[in-house]
Protein backbone atom coordinates (compact mmCIF):
# COMPACT_ATOMS: atom_id res chain seq x y z
CA MET A 1 -25.45 -95.83 43.03
CA ARG A 2 -24.86 -98.60 45.56
CA GLY A 3 -26.32 -102.04 45.62
CA THR A 4 -28.80 -103.30 48.16
CA PRO A 5 -27.76 -105.65 51.04
CA GLY A 6 -27.51 -109.09 49.19
CA ARG A 7 -27.75 -107.66 45.76
CA PRO A 8 -24.86 -107.01 43.28
CA LEU A 9 -23.70 -103.28 42.65
CA PRO A 10 -24.96 -101.72 39.45
CA ALA A 11 -21.86 -102.22 37.53
CA GLU A 12 -21.93 -105.92 38.32
CA ARG A 13 -25.59 -106.40 37.36
CA LEU A 14 -24.67 -104.45 33.99
CA LEU A 15 -21.88 -106.81 33.26
CA GLU A 16 -24.25 -109.75 33.93
CA ALA A 17 -26.83 -108.30 31.57
CA ALA A 18 -24.21 -107.67 29.08
CA ALA A 19 -22.98 -111.30 29.26
CA ALA A 20 -26.52 -112.72 28.69
CA LEU A 21 -27.75 -110.24 26.06
CA PHE A 22 -24.67 -109.89 23.83
CA ASP A 23 -24.02 -113.54 23.73
CA ARG A 24 -27.77 -114.42 23.22
CA GLU A 25 -28.80 -111.60 20.78
CA GLY A 26 -25.55 -109.92 19.50
CA ILE A 27 -23.95 -106.79 20.58
CA ARG A 28 -25.25 -104.33 18.12
CA ALA A 29 -28.80 -105.70 18.46
CA VAL A 30 -28.95 -104.84 22.10
CA GLY A 31 -29.43 -101.12 22.93
CA VAL A 32 -28.68 -99.17 26.17
CA ASP A 33 -32.29 -99.05 27.09
CA ARG A 34 -32.49 -102.78 26.90
CA LEU A 35 -29.24 -103.24 29.12
CA VAL A 36 -30.25 -101.05 31.80
CA ALA A 37 -33.88 -102.56 31.92
CA GLU A 38 -32.26 -105.95 32.04
CA ALA A 39 -29.76 -104.90 34.91
CA ASP A 40 -32.48 -102.76 36.52
CA VAL A 41 -30.39 -99.85 37.05
CA ALA A 42 -30.76 -96.20 35.99
CA ARG A 43 -29.52 -95.33 32.62
CA ALA A 44 -27.01 -92.92 34.19
CA SER A 45 -25.43 -96.10 35.95
CA LEU A 46 -24.04 -97.31 32.71
CA TYR A 47 -22.19 -94.08 31.79
CA GLN A 48 -21.03 -93.52 35.33
CA ASN A 49 -19.59 -97.01 35.60
CA PHE A 50 -18.23 -97.49 31.99
CA GLY A 51 -18.57 -94.29 30.07
CA SER A 52 -20.08 -95.72 27.04
CA LYS A 53 -21.64 -99.00 25.71
CA ASP A 54 -18.42 -99.85 23.78
CA ALA A 55 -16.59 -99.67 27.13
CA LEU A 56 -19.17 -101.90 28.55
CA VAL A 57 -18.51 -104.36 25.76
CA LEU A 58 -14.64 -104.37 26.59
CA ALA A 59 -15.34 -104.80 30.14
CA TRP A 60 -17.50 -107.75 29.60
CA LEU A 61 -14.88 -109.34 26.95
CA THR A 62 -12.08 -108.65 29.56
CA LYS A 63 -14.13 -110.34 32.30
CA GLN A 64 -14.66 -113.30 29.90
CA ASP A 65 -10.97 -113.45 29.05
CA GLU A 66 -10.16 -113.69 32.83
CA LEU A 67 -12.67 -116.48 33.42
CA ASP A 68 -11.42 -118.50 30.68
CA ARG A 69 -7.87 -118.34 31.52
CA ALA A 70 -8.85 -119.16 35.26
CA THR A 71 -11.04 -122.00 34.01
CA TYR A 72 -8.23 -123.36 32.01
CA ASP A 73 -5.71 -123.18 35.01
CA ARG A 74 -8.19 -125.00 37.05
CA ALA A 75 -8.63 -127.56 34.39
CA LEU A 76 -4.68 -128.20 34.41
CA ARG A 77 -4.49 -128.47 38.15
CA ALA A 78 -7.31 -130.99 38.03
CA ALA A 79 -5.44 -133.06 35.36
CA ALA A 80 -2.25 -132.96 37.42
CA ARG A 81 -4.10 -134.23 40.41
CA SER A 82 -5.57 -136.99 38.40
CA ALA A 83 -2.14 -137.94 36.92
CA GLY A 84 -0.29 -137.65 40.15
CA GLY A 85 2.03 -135.03 38.62
CA PRO A 86 2.20 -132.08 36.12
CA ALA A 87 -0.31 -132.31 33.44
CA ASP A 88 1.15 -133.88 30.22
CA PRO A 89 1.39 -132.15 26.90
CA ALA A 90 -1.71 -133.84 25.47
CA ALA A 91 -3.78 -133.05 28.62
CA ARG A 92 -2.94 -129.47 28.27
CA VAL A 93 -4.16 -129.25 24.71
CA ARG A 94 -7.25 -131.44 25.60
CA ALA A 95 -8.33 -129.04 28.16
CA PHE A 96 -9.08 -126.21 25.48
CA PHE A 97 -11.33 -128.59 23.72
CA ASP A 98 -13.05 -130.01 26.75
CA LEU A 99 -13.74 -126.51 27.83
CA ALA A 100 -15.05 -125.74 24.47
CA VAL A 101 -17.39 -128.51 24.74
CA THR A 102 -18.73 -127.56 28.00
CA SER A 103 -19.20 -123.97 26.86
CA THR A 104 -20.78 -124.84 23.62
CA ARG A 105 -23.44 -126.72 25.21
CA ARG A 106 -24.02 -124.16 27.85
CA ARG A 107 -24.26 -121.55 25.29
CA HIS A 108 -26.49 -123.42 23.02
CA TYR A 109 -24.12 -123.67 20.15
CA ARG A 110 -23.78 -119.98 19.22
CA GLY A 111 -20.13 -120.24 18.10
CA CYS A 112 -17.04 -118.68 19.51
CA LEU A 113 -17.98 -115.56 21.66
CA TYR A 114 -14.87 -113.82 20.66
CA VAL A 115 -15.04 -114.36 16.90
CA ASN A 116 -18.80 -113.42 17.20
CA ALA A 117 -17.68 -110.12 18.76
CA LEU A 118 -15.04 -109.32 16.02
CA THR A 119 -17.65 -109.61 13.34
CA GLU A 120 -19.59 -106.68 15.00
CA PHE A 121 -16.60 -104.37 15.00
CA PRO A 122 -15.18 -104.39 11.45
CA ASP A 123 -12.58 -101.71 12.29
CA ASP A 124 -9.17 -103.55 12.77
CA ASP A 125 -8.07 -100.80 15.02
CA HIS A 126 -11.03 -101.06 17.49
CA SER A 127 -10.00 -102.19 21.01
CA VAL A 128 -12.41 -105.40 20.59
CA HIS A 129 -9.82 -106.49 17.94
CA LEU A 130 -6.85 -105.81 20.27
CA LEU A 131 -8.58 -107.89 23.19
CA VAL A 132 -9.60 -110.76 21.20
CA GLY A 133 -5.99 -110.80 19.62
CA GLU A 134 -4.49 -110.95 23.17
CA HIS A 135 -6.95 -113.76 24.15
CA ARG A 136 -6.15 -115.78 21.02
CA ARG A 137 -2.40 -115.13 21.40
CA TRP A 138 -2.56 -116.53 25.16
CA MET A 139 -4.13 -119.75 23.70
CA ARG A 140 -1.63 -120.13 21.13
CA GLU A 141 1.22 -119.69 23.71
CA GLU A 142 -0.24 -122.09 26.01
CA ILE A 143 -0.43 -124.81 23.24
CA ALA A 144 3.11 -124.00 21.97
CA ASP A 145 4.31 -124.48 25.58
CA ALA A 146 2.69 -127.89 25.45
CA ALA A 147 4.25 -128.61 22.14
CA ALA A 148 7.56 -127.67 23.29
CA MET A 149 7.21 -130.02 26.34
CA ALA A 150 6.19 -132.67 24.00
CA GLY A 151 9.51 -132.14 21.92
CA ALA A 152 7.94 -130.72 18.71
CA ALA A 153 10.49 -129.36 16.34
CA ASP A 154 8.39 -126.09 15.83
CA PRO A 155 6.00 -125.65 18.77
CA ALA A 156 4.79 -122.21 17.35
CA GLU A 157 3.69 -123.72 13.98
CA VAL A 158 2.03 -126.67 15.86
CA ALA A 159 0.29 -124.11 17.96
CA ARG A 160 -1.03 -122.31 14.93
CA SER A 161 -2.29 -125.39 13.38
CA ILE A 162 -4.13 -126.67 16.43
CA GLN A 163 -5.80 -123.24 16.92
CA LEU A 164 -6.91 -123.58 13.23
CA LEU A 165 -8.61 -127.00 14.25
CA TYR A 166 -10.03 -125.47 17.40
CA ASP A 167 -11.68 -122.76 15.42
CA GLY A 168 -13.01 -125.06 12.69
CA GLY A 169 -14.42 -127.23 15.59
CA LEU A 170 -16.30 -124.46 16.91
CA VAL A 171 -17.79 -123.33 13.53
CA GLY A 172 -18.69 -127.04 12.99
CA ALA A 173 -20.47 -127.24 16.41
CA LYS A 174 -22.44 -123.88 15.62
CA THR A 175 -23.68 -125.40 12.27
CA ALA A 176 -24.50 -128.97 13.22
CA ARG A 177 -25.80 -128.09 16.61
CA SER A 178 -23.52 -130.71 18.14
CA VAL A 179 -20.27 -131.02 19.98
CA GLU A 180 -18.83 -133.87 17.71
CA PRO A 181 -17.06 -131.48 15.37
CA ILE A 182 -15.13 -130.18 18.44
CA ARG A 183 -14.41 -133.72 19.35
CA LEU A 184 -13.09 -134.55 15.95
CA ALA A 185 -11.06 -131.39 16.06
CA GLU A 186 -9.62 -132.55 19.32
CA ARG A 187 -8.58 -135.92 17.82
CA LEU A 188 -6.86 -134.30 14.87
CA ALA A 189 -5.11 -131.98 17.23
CA ILE A 190 -3.69 -134.70 19.21
CA GLY A 191 -2.74 -136.66 16.24
CA LEU A 192 -0.99 -133.45 14.95
CA LEU A 193 0.80 -133.02 18.23
CA ASP A 194 2.07 -136.67 18.12
CA ALA A 195 3.10 -136.22 14.52
CA ALA A 196 5.21 -133.14 15.26
CA VAL A 197 7.52 -134.95 17.67
CA PRO A 198 10.69 -136.22 16.00
CA SER A 199 11.21 -139.82 16.26
CA GLY A 200 13.53 -140.39 19.26
CA SER A 201 12.85 -137.18 20.71
CA THR A 202 12.89 -136.75 24.57
CA ALA A 203 10.20 -134.37 25.84
CA SER A 204 11.01 -131.99 28.42
CA ALA A 205 9.53 -132.30 31.90
CA PRO A 206 6.34 -130.35 32.29
CA VAL A 207 6.36 -127.48 34.59
């Protein structure tokens, strides 16, 4: 099925509908009939383009992961322009929290989109778990790189601790319906990053 001039193709409309409905109402709560109605496509379009609802869920999460990575890269480039050089380690860490604040407000304090998806797929072998695991691994690796640039003795441990603070900030924001828990987690994360650098250590140049 083709799109009409100026209108997205059915697959794109299904992804847009999935993004809105899954995030707002939950994945399991939204049936196929609701999805195709929201996307204004024939029911067969979902199966022709994705094969199943679960496959649409994976396509939606994959697209979100790609968007998040691209948004983070843009944030680093903006920080570099502002600094007149490569983004420093603290700016690289802060970028995750800044983006979380923006997303949390836009999504009306619904918590972490990826963790929310995990709760609806309890089987550890499900592809959703693998995809979310890859997303979280990417985040840890970015933070570990920043910690290594700062001169931390154990960048991987710093990254795990900062990700834990990040997770807690998102949960706090969801329950308090405020971004202040994210900002508090950010301050704690930067303090942890600073404390992890041995006295007299010389940071490597950001690349």
